[in-house]
């Protein structure tokens, strides 16, 4: 899994799961044992009760694991449901069970109190991430791909995934264009060599640009799904920040993009992409 595809919401989920795991080793009861009295039954933690361990603590941790795995395998389903949906359901179930357990406990210990806070953050992160743009931002940030100067006699842009090509007068090295910029404007990239190279990659990938569309390299600001050209609802791949991809065709408001392994699909969300 590309760690740069993780979002801030994924970071919240991972952190809450770690705290929930730590809470499982703390006392479930806050009973203050008098001296000389055997209080072993009151100092138990979640690992001493299988129902509490599985129904609360491990349920939340398993839910967090399913959410993270769903990032590595988008579109993977079990019994007709995506892994992310299973993970979110597990986290909500963990919070629901923890809430009523701590109410019924009467004298809750550190294990229940810390577990309730962790379960609350875990379920909140799982449910809110798909709806809150701030949680969808990259966890580590997307580095700007650096342009490497070719050696003497070497053609620029050799190798898939590098948008080589010369720059026009006034352009800053390594500064990509926003999607929609026209080549040939001052301070922007887009030389004929670059366009010919992208067109060659597109033709090698089995497709030719339609109309006046010119193939170009681009990078996504955050991880985004790539859907099949047949209109299937399940993603066939995930575009990760920090990697250059080739746009080979315009498809309505979206783009037909080609990955490093030659797969082609529709990038429906093109907002904020950087043009190389």
Protein backbone atom coordinates (compact mmCIF):
# COMPACT_ATOMS: atom_id res chain seq x y z
CA UNK A 1 0.00 0.00 0.00
CA UNK A 2 1.21 3.48 -0.85
CA UNK A 3 1.36 5.28 2.50
CA UNK A 4 0.85 8.59 0.71
CA UNK A 5 -2.64 7.48 -0.22
CA UNK A 6 -3.66 7.62 3.45
CA UNK A 7 -5.80 10.60 4.43
CA UNK A 8 -6.07 12.56 7.65
CA UNK A 9 -9.23 10.63 8.43
CA UNK A 10 -7.24 7.40 8.12
CA UNK A 11 -4.72 8.83 10.58
CA UNK A 12 -7.52 9.58 13.06
CA UNK A 13 -8.82 6.02 12.70
CA UNK A 14 -5.37 4.48 13.21
CA UNK A 15 -4.63 6.64 16.26
CA UNK A 16 -7.98 5.87 17.89
CA UNK A 17 -7.50 2.14 17.29
CA UNK A 18 -4.11 2.25 19.04
CA UNK A 19 -5.63 4.04 22.05
CA UNK A 20 -8.48 1.50 22.13
CA UNK A 21 -5.95 -1.34 22.18
CA UNK A 22 -4.10 0.27 25.09
CA UNK A 23 -7.38 0.77 26.97
CA UNK A 24 -8.10 -2.96 26.76
CA UNK A 25 -5.27 -3.60 29.25
CA UNK A 26 -6.56 -1.11 31.85
CA UNK A 27 -8.99 -1.90 34.67
CA UNK A 28 -12.64 -1.98 33.76
CA UNK A 29 -13.75 -1.06 37.27
CA UNK A 30 -12.76 1.95 39.34
CA UNK A 31 -13.46 0.14 42.64
CA UNK A 32 -11.02 1.15 45.39
CA UNK A 33 -10.00 -2.09 47.03
CA UNK A 34 -9.58 -1.97 50.85
CA UNK A 35 -6.37 -3.32 52.29
CA UNK A 36 -6.39 -7.00 53.17
CA UNK A 37 -9.31 -7.81 50.84
CA UNK A 38 -9.05 -9.95 47.71
CA UNK A 39 -10.33 -7.68 44.94
CA UNK A 40 -9.05 -9.65 41.96
CA UNK A 41 -12.55 -9.73 40.51
CA UNK A 42 -12.70 -5.93 40.47
CA UNK A 43 -9.32 -5.33 38.82
CA UNK A 44 -10.05 -7.30 35.68
CA UNK A 45 -9.39 -5.83 32.24
CA UNK A 46 -11.00 -6.55 28.89
CA UNK A 47 -8.77 -9.57 28.32
CA UNK A 48 -10.39 -11.28 31.31
CA UNK A 49 -13.83 -11.12 29.66
CA UNK A 50 -14.18 -12.58 26.17
CA UNK A 51 -17.54 -10.89 25.50
CA UNK A 52 -16.23 -7.44 26.44
CA UNK A 53 -12.99 -7.96 24.51
CA UNK A 54 -14.66 -9.14 21.29
CA UNK A 55 -17.79 -6.99 21.45
CA UNK A 56 -16.06 -3.68 22.17
CA UNK A 57 -12.29 -3.48 21.89
CA UNK A 58 -11.43 -5.95 19.15
CA UNK A 59 -14.57 -5.02 17.21
CA UNK A 60 -13.32 -1.44 16.97
CA UNK A 61 -9.78 -2.51 16.10
CA UNK A 62 -11.02 -4.90 13.41
CA UNK A 63 -13.20 -2.13 12.00
CA UNK A 64 -10.20 0.20 11.79
CA UNK A 65 -8.16 -2.51 10.04
CA UNK A 66 -10.92 -3.05 7.46
CA UNK A 67 -11.08 0.68 6.75
CA UNK A 68 -7.33 0.87 6.11
CA UNK A 69 -7.32 -2.30 3.99
CA UNK A 70 -10.14 -0.85 1.89
CA UNK A 71 -7.77 1.99 0.95
CA UNK A 72 -5.30 -0.54 -0.47
CA UNK A 73 -7.97 -2.55 -2.29
CA UNK A 74 -10.71 -0.15 -3.41
CA UNK A 75 -13.86 -1.82 -4.61
CA UNK A 76 -13.19 -5.14 -2.84
CA UNK A 77 -16.49 -6.55 -1.58
CA UNK A 78 -17.60 -9.19 0.91
CA UNK A 79 -21.20 -10.46 0.73
CA UNK A 80 -22.06 -7.51 -1.51
CA UNK A 81 -20.65 -4.86 0.84
CA UNK A 82 -17.37 -3.00 0.49
CA UNK A 83 -14.69 -3.51 3.14
CA UNK A 84 -14.94 0.14 4.16
CA UNK A 85 -18.65 -0.26 4.87
CA UNK A 86 -17.95 -3.30 7.03
CA UNK A 87 -15.23 -1.38 8.87
CA UNK A 88 -17.48 1.62 9.59
CA UNK A 89 -20.23 -0.72 10.86
CA UNK A 90 -17.77 -2.41 13.24
CA UNK A 91 -16.62 0.93 14.68
CA UNK A 92 -20.20 2.12 15.26
CA UNK A 93 -21.08 -1.21 16.89
CA UNK A 94 -18.05 -0.89 19.18
CA UNK A 95 -19.13 2.61 20.26
CA UNK A 96 -22.75 1.51 20.80
CA UNK A 97 -21.74 -1.45 22.98
CA UNK A 98 -19.20 0.60 24.94
CA UNK A 99 -21.77 3.32 25.66
CA UNK A 100 -24.24 0.94 27.30
CA UNK A 101 -21.50 -1.04 29.05
CA UNK A 102 -20.13 2.04 30.78
CA UNK A 103 -23.65 3.10 31.84
CA UNK A 104 -24.31 -0.34 33.30
CA UNK A 105 -20.92 -0.50 35.03
CA UNK A 106 -21.80 2.03 37.74
CA UNK A 107 -18.13 2.50 38.74
CA UNK A 108 -16.23 2.63 35.46
CA UNK A 109 -12.48 2.26 35.47
CA UNK A 110 -9.79 3.71 33.24
CA UNK A 111 -10.24 0.92 30.69
CA UNK A 112 -13.89 1.81 30.06
CA UNK A 113 -13.47 5.59 30.18
CA UNK A 114 -10.47 5.67 27.84
CA UNK A 115 -12.12 3.02 25.67
CA UNK A 116 -15.27 5.12 25.32
CA UNK A 117 -13.28 8.16 24.18
CA UNK A 118 -11.27 6.08 21.72
CA UNK A 119 -14.40 4.37 20.35
CA UNK A 120 -16.08 7.77 19.94
CA UNK A 121 -13.16 9.19 17.94
CA UNK A 122 -12.82 5.95 15.96
CA UNK A 123 -16.47 5.85 14.90
CA UNK A 124 -16.50 9.60 14.22
CA UNK A 125 -13.44 9.36 11.98
CA UNK A 126 -14.85 6.38 10.09
CA UNK A 127 -18.21 8.02 9.42
CA UNK A 128 -17.05 11.60 8.85
CA UNK A 129 -14.06 11.00 6.56
CA UNK A 130 -16.09 10.47 3.34
CA UNK A 131 -18.11 13.65 4.06
CA UNK A 132 -15.55 16.13 5.47
CA UNK A 133 -13.05 17.51 2.90
CA UNK A 134 -10.51 18.36 5.62
CA UNK A 135 -10.28 14.68 6.59
CA UNK A 136 -9.81 13.66 2.94
CA UNK A 137 -6.57 15.64 2.61
CA UNK A 138 -3.33 13.57 2.36
CA UNK A 139 -1.92 12.50 5.71
CA UNK A 140 1.69 13.16 4.68
CA UNK A 141 1.04 15.70 1.94
CA UNK A 142 1.73 15.26 -1.76
CA UNK A 143 5.33 16.08 -2.71
CA UNK A 144 5.84 18.01 -5.93
CA UNK A 145 7.49 15.72 -8.48
CA UNK A 146 10.96 17.02 -9.21
CA UNK A 147 12.18 17.46 -12.76
CA UNK A 148 15.52 15.82 -13.41
CA UNK A 149 17.86 17.38 -15.93
CA UNK A 150 18.79 14.76 -18.57
CA UNK A 151 22.40 13.95 -19.22
CA UNK A 152 24.09 15.24 -22.36
CA UNK A 153 22.74 13.43 -25.39
CA UNK A 154 19.83 11.85 -23.52
CA UNK A 155 16.27 12.51 -24.57
CA UNK A 156 14.20 14.16 -21.83
CA UNK A 157 11.25 12.35 -20.33
CA UNK A 158 12.59 8.82 -20.76
CA UNK A 159 10.71 6.29 -18.63
CA UNK A 160 7.02 6.06 -17.88
CA UNK A 161 5.65 8.42 -15.29
CA UNK A 162 8.04 11.37 -15.89
CA UNK A 163 6.63 14.38 -17.73
CA UNK A 164 9.84 15.62 -19.30
CA UNK A 165 10.10 18.28 -21.97
CA UNK A 166 11.66 21.70 -22.22
CA UNK A 167 10.24 24.82 -20.60
CA UNK A 168 9.37 28.10 -22.14
CA UNK A 169 10.95 31.37 -21.22
CA UNK A 170 9.85 32.48 -17.75
CA UNK A 171 8.71 29.04 -16.49
CA UNK A 172 9.88 27.88 -13.08
CA UNK A 173 11.63 24.48 -12.95
CA UNK A 174 9.48 21.73 -11.47
CA UNK A 175 6.30 23.86 -11.43
CA UNK A 176 3.35 21.91 -12.89
CA UNK A 177 0.44 23.57 -14.65
CA UNK A 178 -3.13 23.44 -13.39
CA UNK A 179 -5.45 21.37 -15.49
CA UNK A 180 -6.95 23.40 -18.32
CA UNK A 181 -3.92 25.61 -18.97
CA UNK A 182 -3.08 26.02 -22.66
CA UNK A 183 0.44 25.21 -23.82
CA UNK A 184 2.50 28.07 -25.16
CA UNK A 185 1.45 30.68 -22.56
CA UNK A 186 4.29 32.53 -20.80
CA UNK A 187 5.56 30.87 -17.64
CA UNK A 188 3.87 27.52 -18.42
CA UNK A 189 5.03 24.21 -19.71
CA UNK A 190 3.72 22.45 -22.78
CA UNK A 191 6.32 22.20 -25.53
CA UNK A 192 5.70 20.17 -28.70
CA UNK A 193 8.26 17.52 -27.64
CA UNK A 194 6.32 16.94 -24.45
CA UNK A 195 3.03 16.63 -26.31
CA UNK A 196 4.48 14.25 -28.89
CA UNK A 197 5.92 12.09 -26.13
CA UNK A 198 2.56 11.90 -24.32
CA UNK A 199 0.79 11.12 -27.59
CA UNK A 200 3.27 8.32 -28.23
CA UNK A 201 2.59 6.87 -24.76
CA UNK A 202 -1.16 7.10 -25.44
CA UNK A 203 -0.85 5.28 -28.75
CA UNK A 204 1.29 2.59 -27.13
CA UNK A 205 -1.40 2.18 -24.46
CA UNK A 206 -3.93 1.31 -27.14
CA UNK A 207 -5.79 4.59 -27.49
CA UNK A 208 -5.53 7.75 -29.56
CA UNK A 209 -6.60 11.22 -28.46
CA UNK A 210 -9.98 12.34 -29.75
CA UNK A 211 -10.59 15.65 -31.53
CA UNK A 212 -8.27 18.46 -30.50
CA UNK A 213 -7.35 16.85 -27.19
CA UNK A 214 -3.61 16.62 -26.55
CA UNK A 215 -2.39 13.96 -24.08
CA UNK A 216 -0.59 15.33 -21.04
CA UNK A 217 0.87 14.21 -17.74
CA UNK A 218 -0.88 15.08 -14.49
CA UNK A 219 -0.74 14.41 -10.74
CA UNK A 220 -3.64 14.28 -8.29
CA UNK A 221 -3.58 16.32 -5.04
CA UNK A 222 -5.22 13.51 -3.04
CA UNK A 223 -5.89 9.83 -3.65
CA UNK A 224 -8.73 9.41 -6.15
CA UNK A 225 -10.45 6.35 -7.63
CA UNK A 226 -10.15 5.41 -11.29
CA UNK A 227 -13.30 3.86 -12.73
CA UNK A 228 -13.61 1.51 -15.69
CA UNK A 229 -14.50 2.86 -19.12
CA UNK A 230 -17.52 0.55 -19.18
CA UNK A 231 -19.24 2.66 -16.51
CA UNK A 232 -19.01 0.05 -13.73
CA UNK A 233 -19.52 1.58 -10.26
CA UNK A 234 -16.48 -0.13 -8.71
CA UNK A 235 -13.02 1.49 -9.07
CA UNK A 236 -10.38 -0.43 -10.99
CA UNK A 237 -7.44 1.44 -9.46
CA UNK A 238 -6.54 4.32 -7.19
CA UNK A 239 -4.42 7.27 -8.31
CA UNK A 240 -1.97 8.25 -5.58
CA UNK A 241 -0.47 11.72 -4.97
CA UNK A 242 3.16 12.19 -5.96
CA UNK A 243 2.88 10.03 -9.11
CA UNK A 244 2.52 11.21 -12.69
CA UNK A 245 -0.27 9.70 -14.80
CA UNK A 246 -1.07 10.13 -18.48
CA UNK A 247 -4.34 11.71 -19.62
CA UNK A 248 -5.13 10.26 -23.04
CA UNK A 249 -8.67 11.44 -23.72
CA UNK A 250 -11.40 13.80 -22.53
CA UNK A 251 -14.57 12.08 -21.32
CA UNK A 252 -17.18 14.72 -20.50
CA UNK A 253 -15.99 16.56 -17.35
CA UNK A 254 -13.56 13.72 -16.60
CA UNK A 255 -10.40 12.30 -18.14
CA UNK A 256 -9.36 8.94 -19.51
CA UNK A 257 -6.17 8.24 -17.56
CA UNK A 258 -3.55 5.54 -18.00
CA UNK A 259 -1.66 4.02 -15.05
CA UNK A 260 1.93 2.77 -14.96
CA UNK A 261 0.85 -0.81 -15.62
CA UNK A 262 -1.13 0.21 -18.72
CA UNK A 263 -4.64 0.14 -17.26
CA UNK A 264 -7.02 2.81 -18.53
CA UNK A 265 -10.00 4.26 -16.73
CA UNK A 266 -12.09 7.36 -16.10
CA UNK A 267 -10.96 9.94 -13.55
CA UNK A 268 -14.28 11.57 -12.69
CA UNK A 269 -12.95 14.19 -10.23
CA UNK A 270 -10.35 16.42 -11.93
CA UNK A 271 -10.50 19.34 -9.51
CA UNK A 272 -7.10 20.54 -8.35
CA UNK A 273 -5.01 18.20 -10.50
CA UNK A 274 -1.57 19.42 -11.49
CA UNK A 275 -0.48 19.35 -15.11
CA UNK A 276 3.10 18.41 -15.84
